[in-house]
C-alpha atoms as a PDB file:
ATOM      1  CA  ALA A   1     -99.184 -17.397  21.243  1.00  0.00           C
ATOM      2  CA  ALA A   2     -95.397 -17.184  21.065  1.00  0.00           C
ATOM      3  CA  ALA A   3     -93.978 -14.534  18.752  1.00  0.00           C
ATOM      4  CA  PRO A   4     -92.733 -16.083  15.487  1.00  0.00           C
ATOM      5  CA  ALA A   5     -88.994 -16.650  15.396  1.00  0.00           C
ATOM      6  CA  GLY A   6     -86.948 -14.549  12.997  1.00  0.00           C
ATOM      7  CA  PRO A   7     -85.585 -15.828   9.680  1.00  0.00           C
ATOM      8  CA  VAL A   8     -83.214 -18.799   9.718  1.00  0.00           C
ATOM      9  CA  GLY A   9     -79.523 -17.966   9.294  1.00  0.00           C
ATOM     10  CA  ILE A  10     -76.552 -19.971   8.014  1.00  0.00           C
ATOM     11  CA  ASP A  11     -76.038 -23.290   9.811  1.00  0.00           C
ATOM     12  CA  THR A  12     -72.769 -24.023  11.626  1.00  0.00           C
ATOM     13  CA  ALA A  13     -71.479 -26.671   9.207  1.00  0.00           C
ATOM     14  CA  THR A  14     -71.996 -24.420   6.166  1.00  0.00           C
ATOM     15  CA  ALA A  15     -70.468 -21.424   7.993  1.00  0.00           C
ATOM     16  CA  ALA A  16     -67.345 -23.509   8.725  1.00  0.00           C
ATOM     17  CA  GLU A  17     -66.821 -24.122   4.979  1.00  0.00           C
ATOM     18  CA  MET A  18     -67.214 -20.471   3.963  1.00  0.00           C
ATOM     19  CA  PRO A  19     -63.750 -19.058   4.855  1.00  0.00           C
ATOM     20  CA  ALA A  20     -61.903 -21.536   2.586  1.00  0.00           C
ATOM     21  CA  LEU A  21     -64.172 -20.708  -0.381  1.00  0.00           C
ATOM     22  CA  TYR A  22     -63.745 -16.986   0.314  1.00  0.00           C
ATOM     23  CA  LYS A  23     -59.956 -17.254   0.541  1.00  0.00           C
ATOM     24  CA  ALA A  24     -59.725 -19.211  -2.730  1.00  0.00           C
ATOM     25  CA  LEU A  25     -61.673 -16.431  -4.479  1.00  0.00           C
ATOM     26  CA  LEU A  26     -59.138 -13.846  -3.308  1.00  0.00           C
ATOM     27  CA  ALA A  27     -56.722 -15.424  -5.796  1.00  0.00           C
ATOM     28  CA  MET A  28     -59.183 -16.663  -8.456  1.00  0.00           C
ATOM     29  CA  PRO A  29     -61.532 -14.565 -10.598  1.00  0.00           C
ATOM     30  CA  GLN A  30     -64.447 -17.003 -10.401  1.00  0.00           C
ATOM     31  CA  GLY A  31     -65.801 -19.940  -8.457  1.00  0.00           C
ATOM     32  CA  LEU A  32     -68.109 -21.168  -5.716  1.00  0.00           C
ATOM     33  CA  LEU A  33     -68.704 -18.735  -2.833  1.00  0.00           C
ATOM     34  CA  PHE A  34     -71.475 -20.486  -0.874  1.00  0.00           C
ATOM     35  CA  SER A  35     -73.304 -23.802  -0.928  1.00  0.00           C
ATOM     36  CA  ASN A  36     -75.905 -25.529   1.229  1.00  0.00           C
ATOM     37  CA  ASN A  37     -78.975 -27.742   0.679  1.00  0.00           C
ATOM     38  CA  LEU A  38     -81.074 -24.783  -0.554  1.00  0.00           C
ATOM     39  CA  ILE A  39     -78.885 -22.458  -2.616  1.00  0.00           C
ATOM     40  CA  GLN A  40     -75.519 -22.296  -4.332  1.00  0.00           C
ATOM     41  CA  VAL A  41     -73.813 -18.989  -5.034  1.00  0.00           C
ATOM     42  CA  TYR A  42     -71.067 -18.577  -7.637  1.00  0.00           C
ATOM     43  CA  ILE A  43     -69.282 -15.322  -8.427  1.00  0.00           C
ATOM     44  CA  GLN A  44     -67.246 -13.961 -11.305  1.00  0.00           C
ATOM     45  CA  GLN A  45     -65.054 -10.917 -10.614  1.00  0.00           C
ATOM     46  CA  ASP A  46     -63.591  -8.413 -13.059  1.00  0.00           C
ATOM     47  CA  TYR A  47     -61.430  -5.540 -11.767  1.00  0.00           C
ATOM     48  CA  ARG A  48     -60.420  -2.563 -13.927  1.00  0.00           C
ATOM     49  CA  GLY A  49     -58.654   0.246 -12.125  1.00  0.00           C
ATOM     50  CA  SER A  50     -60.902   1.613  -9.379  1.00  0.00           C
ATOM     51  CA  GLN A  51     -63.953  -0.333 -10.608  1.00  0.00           C
ATOM     52  CA  ALA A  52     -65.151  -3.897 -10.140  1.00  0.00           C
ATOM     53  CA  ARG A  53     -67.920  -5.864 -11.752  1.00  0.00           C
ATOM     54  CA  VAL A  54     -69.047  -8.890  -9.748  1.00  0.00           C
ATOM     55  CA  VAL A  55     -71.518 -11.254 -11.391  1.00  0.00           C
ATOM     56  CA  ILE A  56     -73.405 -13.269  -8.765  1.00  0.00           C
ATOM     57  CA  MET A  57     -75.038 -16.477  -9.938  1.00  0.00           C
ATOM     58  CA  ILE A  58     -77.616 -18.009  -7.593  1.00  0.00           C
ATOM     59  CA  LYS A  59     -78.752 -21.578  -8.173  1.00  0.00           C
ATOM     60  CA  ASN A  60     -81.610 -23.402  -6.525  1.00  0.00           C
ATOM     61  CA  ALA A  61     -79.616 -26.333  -5.087  1.00  0.00           C
ATOM     62  CA  PRO A  62     -80.082 -29.686  -6.872  1.00  0.00           C
ATOM     63  CA  ALA A  63     -81.209 -31.295  -3.594  1.00  0.00           C
ATOM     64  CA  ASN A  64     -83.990 -28.751  -3.027  1.00  0.00           C
ATOM     65  CA  PRO A  65     -87.396 -29.846  -4.416  1.00  0.00           C
ATOM     66  CA  MET A  66     -89.072 -26.471  -3.756  1.00  0.00           C
ATOM     67  CA  PRO A  67     -88.881 -23.058  -5.467  1.00  0.00           C
ATOM     68  CA  LEU A  68     -87.270 -20.162  -3.590  1.00  0.00           C
ATOM     69  CA  MET A  69     -89.812 -17.380  -3.053  1.00  0.00           C
ATOM     70  CA  GLY A  70     -89.437 -13.682  -2.227  1.00  0.00           C
ATOM     71  CA  LEU A  71     -85.777 -13.686  -3.233  1.00  0.00           C
ATOM     72  CA  SER A  72     -84.027 -10.374  -2.553  1.00  0.00           C
ATOM     73  CA  LEU A  73     -80.369  -9.333  -2.547  1.00  0.00           C
ATOM     74  CA  GLY A  74     -78.651  -6.345  -1.029  1.00  0.00           C
ATOM     75  CA  CYS A  75     -75.035  -5.262  -0.705  1.00  0.00           C
ATOM     76  CA  ASP A  76     -74.006  -4.474   2.870  1.00  0.00           C
ATOM     77  CA  ILE A  77     -70.798  -2.430   3.104  1.00  0.00           C
ATOM     78  CA  GLY A  78     -70.969  -2.285   6.893  1.00  0.00           C
ATOM     79  CA  ALA A  79     -68.318  -0.152   8.560  1.00  0.00           C
ATOM     80  CA  ILE A  80     -66.594   0.622   5.233  1.00  0.00           C
ATOM     81  CA  GLY A  81     -69.099   3.377   4.489  1.00  0.00           C
ATOM     82  CA  PRO A  82     -70.378   4.786   1.176  1.00  0.00           C
ATOM     83  CA  ALA A  83     -67.653   7.447   1.006  1.00  0.00           C
ATOM     84  CA  ALA A  84     -65.035   4.683   0.558  1.00  0.00           C
ATOM     85  CA  LEU A  85     -66.971   2.130  -1.485  1.00  0.00           C
ATOM     86  CA  ARG A  86     -69.691   2.950  -4.004  1.00  0.00           C
ATOM     87  CA  THR A  87     -71.935   0.012  -4.854  1.00  0.00           C
ATOM     88  CA  GLN A  88     -74.839  -0.589  -7.182  1.00  0.00           C
ATOM     89  CA  MET A  89     -76.705  -3.890  -7.412  1.00  0.00           C
ATOM     90  CA  GLN A  90     -79.258  -5.069  -9.955  1.00  0.00           C
ATOM     91  CA  THR A  91     -82.631  -6.139  -8.601  1.00  0.00           C
ATOM     92  CA  VAL A  92     -83.303  -9.858  -8.748  1.00  0.00           C
ATOM     93  CA  GLN A  93     -86.381 -11.772  -9.878  1.00  0.00           C
ATOM     94  CA  PRO A  94     -88.356 -12.816  -6.762  1.00  0.00           C
ATOM     95  CA  VAL A  95     -88.992 -16.480  -7.642  1.00  0.00           C
ATOM     96  CA  LEU A  96     -86.292 -19.067  -8.350  1.00  0.00           C
ATOM     97  CA  GLU A  97     -87.852 -22.221  -9.740  1.00  0.00           C
ATOM     98  CA  VAL A  98     -86.738 -25.776  -8.904  1.00  0.00           C
ATOM     99  CA  GLY A  99     -83.402 -26.372 -10.641  1.00  0.00           C
ATOM    100  CA  GLY A 100     -83.340 -22.744 -11.800  1.00  0.00           C
ATOM    101  CA  SER A 101     -80.582 -20.136 -11.649  1.00  0.00           C
ATOM    102  CA  VAL A 102     -80.386 -16.363 -11.890  1.00  0.00           C
ATOM    103  CA  GLN A 103     -77.556 -13.869 -12.395  1.00  0.00           C
ATOM    104  CA  VAL A 104     -77.261 -10.476 -10.722  1.00  0.00           C
ATOM    105  CA  GLN A 105     -74.611  -7.843 -11.366  1.00  0.00           C
ATOM    106  CA  LEU A 106     -72.913  -5.879  -8.585  1.00  0.00           C
ATOM    107  CA  MET A 107     -70.850  -2.815  -9.518  1.00  0.00           C
ATOM    108  CA  VAL A 108     -68.297  -1.568  -6.982  1.00  0.00           C
ATOM    109  CA  GLU A 109     -65.977   1.443  -7.069  1.00  0.00           C
ATOM    110  CA  CYS A 110     -63.140   2.109  -4.637  1.00  0.00           C
ATOM    111  CA  MET A 111     -63.284   5.818  -3.703  1.00  0.00           C
ATOM    112  CA  GLN A 112     -60.974   5.768  -0.660  1.00  0.00           C
ATOM    113  CA  PRO A 113     -58.729   3.264   1.121  1.00  0.00           C
ATOM    114  CA  PHE A 114     -60.816   0.786   3.123  1.00  0.00           C
ATOM    115  CA  SER A 115     -60.405  -2.278   5.296  1.00  0.00           C
ATOM    116  CA  GLY A 116     -62.742  -5.233   5.464  1.00  0.00           C
ATOM    117  CA  ASN A 117     -65.106  -6.362   2.710  1.00  0.00           C
ATOM    118  CA  PRO A 118     -68.752  -6.021   1.725  1.00  0.00           C
ATOM    119  CA  ALA A 119     -71.304  -8.807   2.174  1.00  0.00           C
ATOM    120  CA  ILE A 120     -74.337  -9.873   0.172  1.00  0.00           C
ATOM    121  CA  ASP A 121     -77.557 -10.036   2.158  1.00  0.00           C
ATOM    122  CA  PHE A 122     -79.782 -12.826   0.806  1.00  0.00           C
ATOM    123  CA  LYS A 123     -83.402 -13.157   1.853  1.00  0.00           C
ATOM    124  CA  PHE A 124     -85.816 -15.807   0.582  1.00  0.00           C
ATOM    125  CA  SER A 125     -88.390 -18.331   1.741  1.00  0.00           C
ATOM    126  CA  SER A 126     -88.675 -22.028   0.956  1.00  0.00           C
ATOM    127  CA  SER A 127     -91.449 -24.401   2.042  1.00  0.00           C
ATOM    128  CA  GLY A 128     -92.897 -21.627   4.212  1.00  0.00           C
ATOM    129  CA  THR A 129     -89.675 -20.936   6.165  1.00  0.00           C
ATOM    130  CA  ASP A 130     -87.937 -17.545   5.874  1.00  0.00           C
ATOM    131  CA  TYR A 131     -84.149 -17.440   5.495  1.00  0.00           C
ATOM    132  CA  ALA A 132     -81.655 -14.564   5.779  1.00  0.00           C
ATOM    133  CA  TYR A 133     -77.981 -15.059   4.940  1.00  0.00           C
ATOM    134  CA  SER A 134     -75.072 -12.628   5.055  1.00  0.00           C
ATOM    135  CA  ILE A 135     -72.345 -13.874   2.700  1.00  0.00           C
ATOM    136  CA  PRO A 136     -68.997 -12.016   2.596  1.00  0.00           C
ATOM    137  CA  VAL A 137     -67.671 -11.220  -0.884  1.00  0.00           C
ATOM    138  CA  PRO A 138     -63.906 -11.115  -1.521  1.00  0.00           C
ATOM    139  CA  VAL A 139     -63.839  -7.470  -2.652  1.00  0.00           C
ATOM    140  CA  ILE A 140     -60.902  -6.116  -0.615  1.00  0.00           C
ATOM    141  CA  MET A 141     -58.819  -2.970  -1.106  1.00  0.00           C
ATOM    142  CA  THR A 142     -55.864  -4.763  -2.712  1.00  0.00           C
ATOM    143  CA  LYS A 143     -58.120  -5.865  -5.599  1.00  0.00           C
ATOM    144  CA  PHE A 144     -58.063  -2.239  -6.788  1.00  0.00           C
ATOM    145  CA  VAL A 145     -54.267  -2.265  -7.067  1.00  0.00           C
ATOM    146  CA  GLU A 146     -52.610  -2.459 -10.471  1.00  0.00           C
ATOM    147  CA  GLY A 147     -49.083  -3.859 -10.656  1.00  0.00           C
ATOM    148  CA  VAL A 148     -46.205  -1.645 -11.749  1.00  0.00           C
ATOM    149  CA  PRO A 149     -43.454  -3.774 -13.328  1.00  0.00           C
ATOM    150  CA  MET A 150     -39.973  -2.494 -12.516  1.00  0.00           C
ATOM    151  CA  GLN A 151     -36.346  -3.493 -12.085  1.00  0.00           C
ATOM    152  CA  GLY A 152     -34.630  -3.808  -8.725  1.00  0.00           C
ATOM    153  CA  GLY A 153     -32.736  -0.533  -9.069  1.00  0.00           C
ATOM    154  CA  ASP A 154     -35.926   1.409  -9.671  1.00  0.00           C
ATOM    155  CA  PHE A 155     -37.664  -0.380  -6.775  1.00  0.00           C
ATOM    156  CA  GLY A 156     -34.767   0.460  -4.444  1.00  0.00           C
ATOM    157  CA  ALA A 157     -34.918   4.144  -5.408  1.00  0.00           C
ATOM    158  CA  ARG A 158     -38.671   4.324  -4.804  1.00  0.00           C
ATOM    159  CA  TRP A 159     -38.344   2.403  -1.527  1.00  0.00           C
ATOM    160  CA  GLY A 160     -35.704   4.883  -0.375  1.00  0.00           C
ATOM    161  CA  GLY A 161     -37.983   7.777  -1.329  1.00  0.00           C
ATOM    162  CA  MET A 162     -40.793   6.663   1.016  1.00  0.00           C
ATOM    163  CA  THR A 163     -39.187   7.249   4.395  1.00  0.00           C
ATOM    164  CA  ALA A 164     -41.451   9.960   5.839  1.00  0.00           C
ATOM    165  CA  GLU A 165     -43.049   9.308   9.232  1.00  0.00           C
ATOM    166  CA  GLY A 166     -46.025   6.923   9.153  1.00  0.00           C
ATOM    167  CA  LEU A 167     -45.551   5.655   5.593  1.00  0.00           C
ATOM    168  CA  GLU A 168     -43.977   2.342   6.692  1.00  0.00           C
ATOM    169  CA  VAL A 169     -45.737  -0.457   8.546  1.00  0.00           C
ATOM    170  CA  GLN A 170     -43.703  -3.499   9.546  1.00  0.00           C
ATOM    171  CA  GLY A 171     -44.410  -6.650  11.518  1.00  0.00           C
ATOM    172  CA  VAL A 172     -43.128 -10.154  12.193  1.00  0.00           C
ATOM    173  CA  PHE A 173     -45.625 -13.029  12.451  1.00  0.00           C
ATOM    174  CA  ASN A 174     -46.035 -16.761  11.935  1.00  0.00           C
ATOM    175  CA  GLY A 175     -47.927 -18.157   8.963  1.00  0.00           C
ATOM    176  CA  LYS A 176     -50.885 -20.529   9.171  1.00  0.00           C
ATOM    177  CA  ASP A 177     -49.507 -22.890   6.524  1.00  0.00           C
ATOM    178  CA  PRO A 178     -46.001 -24.169   5.728  1.00  0.00           C
ATOM    179  CA  ILE A 179     -44.196 -21.648   3.506  1.00  0.00           C
ATOM    180  CA  ASP A 180     -43.807 -22.685  -0.143  1.00  0.00           C
ATOM    181  CA  VAL A 181     -41.104 -20.235  -1.198  1.00  0.00           C
ATOM    182  CA  SER A 182     -41.458 -21.040  -4.912  1.00  0.00           C
ATOM    183  CA  ALA A 183     -45.278 -20.768  -5.044  1.00  0.00           C
ATOM    184  CA  LEU A 184     -45.778 -17.745  -2.796  1.00  0.00           C
ATOM    185  CA  PRO A 185     -44.679 -14.991  -5.219  1.00  0.00           C
ATOM    186  CA  VAL A 186     -47.412 -15.969  -7.710  1.00  0.00           C
ATOM    187  CA  MET A 187     -50.079 -16.188  -5.001  1.00  0.00           C
ATOM    188  CA  VAL A 188     -49.049 -12.911  -3.383  1.00  0.00           C
ATOM    189  CA  GLY A 189     -49.042 -11.213  -6.786  1.00  0.00           C
ATOM    190  CA  LYS A 190     -52.586 -12.434  -7.531  1.00  0.00           C
ATOM    191  CA  VAL A 191     -54.031 -11.395  -4.177  1.00  0.00           C
ATOM    192  CA  THR A 192     -52.274  -8.040  -3.741  1.00  0.00           C
ATOM    193  CA  GLY A 193     -52.331  -6.977  -7.396  1.00  0.00           C
ATOM    194  CA  LEU A 194     -48.671  -5.986  -7.054  1.00  0.00           C
ATOM    195  CA  SER A 195     -45.981  -6.826  -9.631  1.00  0.00           C
ATOM    196  CA  VAL A 196     -43.179  -8.894  -8.145  1.00  0.00           C
ATOM    197  CA  VAL A 197     -39.711  -7.498  -8.944  1.00  0.00           C
ATOM    198  CA  ALA A 198     -38.282 -10.456 -10.873  1.00  0.00           C
ATOM    199  CA  ASP A 199     -34.556  -9.662 -10.762  1.00  0.00           C
ATOM    200  CA  MET A 200     -34.637  -9.143  -6.981  1.00  0.00           C
ATOM    201  CA  LEU A 201     -36.535 -12.427  -6.497  1.00  0.00           C
ATOM    202  CA  ALA A 202     -33.993 -14.253  -8.674  1.00  0.00           C
ATOM    203  CA  ALA A 203     -31.160 -12.844  -6.533  1.00  0.00           C
ATOM    204  CA  ASN A 204     -32.875 -13.846  -3.264  1.00  0.00           C
ATOM    205  CA  PRO A 205     -35.871 -16.231  -3.518  1.00  0.00           C
ATOM    206  CA  ASN A 206     -36.666 -15.757   0.198  1.00  0.00           C
ATOM    207  CA  VAL A 207     -37.669 -12.101  -0.236  1.00  0.00           C
ATOM    208  CA  ILE A 208     -40.603 -10.903  -2.336  1.00  0.00           C
ATOM    209  CA  ASN A 209     -40.351  -7.244  -3.379  1.00  0.00           C
ATOM    210  CA  ALA A 210     -43.385  -5.952  -5.248  1.00  0.00           C
ATOM    211  CA  ALA A 211     -44.847  -2.665  -6.489  1.00  0.00           C
ATOM    212  CA  GLY A 212     -48.198  -1.313  -7.617  1.00  0.00           C
ATOM    213  CA  THR A 213     -50.670   1.567  -7.578  1.00  0.00           C
ATOM    214  CA  LEU A 214     -53.973   1.714  -5.696  1.00  0.00           C
ATOM    215  CA  LYS A 215     -56.567   3.203  -8.068  1.00  0.00           C
ATOM    216  CA  THR A 216     -59.504   5.198  -6.692  1.00  0.00           C
ATOM    217  CA  GLY A 217     -62.465   6.931  -8.272  1.00  0.00           C
ATOM    218  CA  SER A 218     -61.952  10.124  -6.241  1.00  0.00           C
ATOM    219  CA  PRO A 219     -60.970  13.227  -8.240  1.00  0.00           C
ATOM    220  CA  ALA A 220     -57.386  14.386  -7.689  1.00  0.00           C
ATOM    221  CA  ALA A 221     -56.628  17.973  -6.690  1.00  0.00           C
ATOM    222  CA  GLY A 222     -56.213  20.282  -9.657  1.00  0.00           C
ATOM    223  CA  GLY A 223     -59.030  18.747 -11.688  1.00  0.00           C
ATOM    224  CA  GLY A 224     -58.341  17.682 -15.247  1.00  0.00           C
ATOM    225  CA  GLY A 225     -60.263  14.449 -14.792  1.00  0.00           C
ATOM    226  CA  ASN A 226     -57.394  12.776 -12.939  1.00  0.00           C
ATOM    227  CA  LYS A 227     -58.167  10.423 -10.067  1.00  0.00           C
ATOM    228  CA  ILE A 228     -56.292   9.904  -6.809  1.00  0.00           C
ATOM    229  CA  GLN A 229     -53.747   7.084  -7.085  1.00  0.00           C
ATOM    230  CA  VAL A 230     -51.510   5.759  -4.316  1.00  0.00           C
ATOM    231  CA  GLY A 231     -48.116   4.138  -4.923  1.00  0.00           C
ATOM    232  CA  CYS A 232     -47.646   0.920  -2.905  1.00  0.00           C
ATOM    233  CA  LEU A 233     -44.438  -1.024  -2.219  1.00  0.00           C
ATOM    234  CA  MET A 234     -44.058  -4.280  -0.288  1.00  0.00           C
ATOM    235  CA  MET A 235     -41.194  -6.405   1.002  1.00  0.00           C
ATOM    236  CA  LEU A 236     -42.055  -9.875   2.329  1.00  0.00           C
ATOM    237  CA  GLU A 237     -39.192 -11.804   3.920  1.00  0.00           C
ATOM    238  CA  MET A 238     -39.841 -15.529   4.357  1.00  0.00           C
ATOM    239  CA  ASN A 239     -38.263 -17.922   6.869  1.00  0.00           C
ATOM    240  CA  ALA A 240     -39.590 -21.326   5.787  1.00  0.00           C
ATOM    241  CA  ALA A 241     -37.852 -23.247   8.597  1.00  0.00           C
ATOM    242  CA  ALA A 242     -39.522 -21.111  11.290  1.00  0.00           C
ATOM    243  CA  GLN A 243     -42.768 -20.702   9.242  1.00  0.00           C
ATOM    244  CA  ALA A 244     -42.378 -16.972   9.876  1.00  0.00           C
ATOM    245  CA  TYR A 245     -42.607 -13.752   7.886  1.00  0.00           C
ATOM    246  CA  ARG A 246     -41.384 -10.201   8.200  1.00  0.00           C
ATOM    247  CA  LEU A 247     -43.666  -7.944   6.202  1.00  0.00           C
ATOM    248  CA  THR A 248     -42.830  -4.325   5.399  1.00  0.00           C
ATOM    249  CA  VAL A 249     -45.230  -2.093   3.492  1.00  0.00           C
ATOM    250  CA  ARG A 250     -44.551   1.458   2.307  1.00  0.00           C
ATOM    251  CA  THR A 251     -47.163   3.569   0.522  1.00  0.00           C
ATOM    252  CA  GLN A 252     -47.716   7.287  -0.028  1.00  0.00           C
ATOM    253  CA  ILE A 253     -50.544   7.486   2.556  1.00  0.00           C
ATOM    254  CA  PRO A 254     -50.314   6.111   6.144  1.00  0.00           C
ATOM    255  CA  SER A 255     -53.901   4.751   6.155  1.00  0.00           C
ATOM    256  CA  VAL A 256     -53.172   2.808   2.951  1.00  0.00           C
ATOM    257  CA  SER A 257     -49.953   1.398   4.467  1.00  0.00           C
ATOM    258  CA  ASN A 258     -51.895   0.146   7.494  1.00  0.00           C
ATOM    259  CA  THR A 259     -54.748  -1.373   5.492  1.00  0.00           C
ATOM    260  CA  PHE A 260     -52.417  -2.974   2.952  1.00  0.00           C
ATOM    261  CA  PHE A 261     -50.290  -4.477   5.722  1.00  0.00           C
ATOM    262  CA  GLU A 262     -53.347  -5.942   7.485  1.00  0.00           C
ATOM    263  CA  SER A 263     -54.730  -7.391   4.215  1.00  0.00           C
ATOM    264  CA  VAL A 264     -51.501  -9.253   3.428  1.00  0.00           C
ATOM    265  CA  LYS A 265     -50.997 -10.383   7.027  1.00  0.00           C
ATOM    266  CA  LYS A 266     -54.543 -11.761   7.154  1.00  0.00           C
ATOM    267  CA  LEU A 267     -53.929 -13.694   3.961  1.00  0.00           C
ATOM    268  CA  LEU A 268     -50.862 -15.398   5.435  1.00  0.00           C
ATOM    269  CA  THR A 269     -52.127 -16.020   8.971  1.00  0.00           C
ATOM    270  CA  GLU A 270     -55.751 -17.149   8.452  1.00  0.00           C
END
């Protein structure tokens, strides 16, 4: 007899819809993350400093006439590694009845700068078929940034103070979508966590200057209960006619500058 095939993964049509749902949840605290004919997954995100609480709500899809059996959830942090991201997930009840829903809490703490994002591994069976899904969750490093409101003069002084080798990352690239100069500052602020410098934006609406602090749960040198924090500054120059950007990031740690730059670039180009 032929060996049984492995569990069924996410179908192509559903996979094609996932990036748009994921991207929307980078800027919104709650909403739909995944949906097919068997399950729907909603999340609610709450970030406080270095810590995040993500409530995952799983619904047995309205179109599915069968219960979901053997339901299990895990958090896969992949290449990020446990030294950078600490996670703890509640166990889930194994049976999800027809029309039923269940909530599971995922706690995440940023310990070090990281790139990429964790995924939720779902396993369940329905009508005798086993399924295994890996669903990315929009927990990225910039979510652990808290904005630092400041005036242009203060921003300029801090910008000028971060000139050591390796602290700046700069690049020019084209955006995926037409540039809405008036809407972008709000969106960039939501996704990066940075505070946009209002007086500088008023003086030149084509350049977004913004500042914030990356919060981590790692103890700072010298004890006293203090945690490592990393100052982050960003300048995003927009050329709407050419649909192009020049992005400059300066932070106190080169690895943070690189990761922050890539996070913002990905947001604008994908």
